[in-house]
C-alpha cells in the first residue's frame, strides 16, 4: 500500500478483480511456489534492482539478497513506498532506469 496514494490500492484491486481466475491461479502458483534461488549465481545479465521503502510484499532484505547473489546487479533503494513504484513514483522509477541504461 501507499498511504499517500490510496487510489493506487483501489486500482490494483480492480485490476485483480478483472483478471481471469485461471490466469490469476497460474500467476499465484508460479509466483508463490517457484524457488529459483539456486539459479541466481548463474545469471550474468546486468540487472537493476529497484527496492521501494516500506514495501510490505518485498522488504529491503529481499532486494539486498538479490543484489548479493546477482553478479552484475545494481541495487537502488528508492524513496518510493509500496510495491509498485512504476505507479506510485513514476519519475523516480524512470530516473533510476535511465541511469542504469
Foldseek 3Di string as FASTA:
>chain_A
DAVVCVVVVVVVVVVVVPDDPVVVVVVCCCVPVDDCLVCQLVDADEEEQEAEDAEPVQHVVNSVSSVVRHPRYDYDYDPHHYDCCCPRPVVRVVVSVVVRD
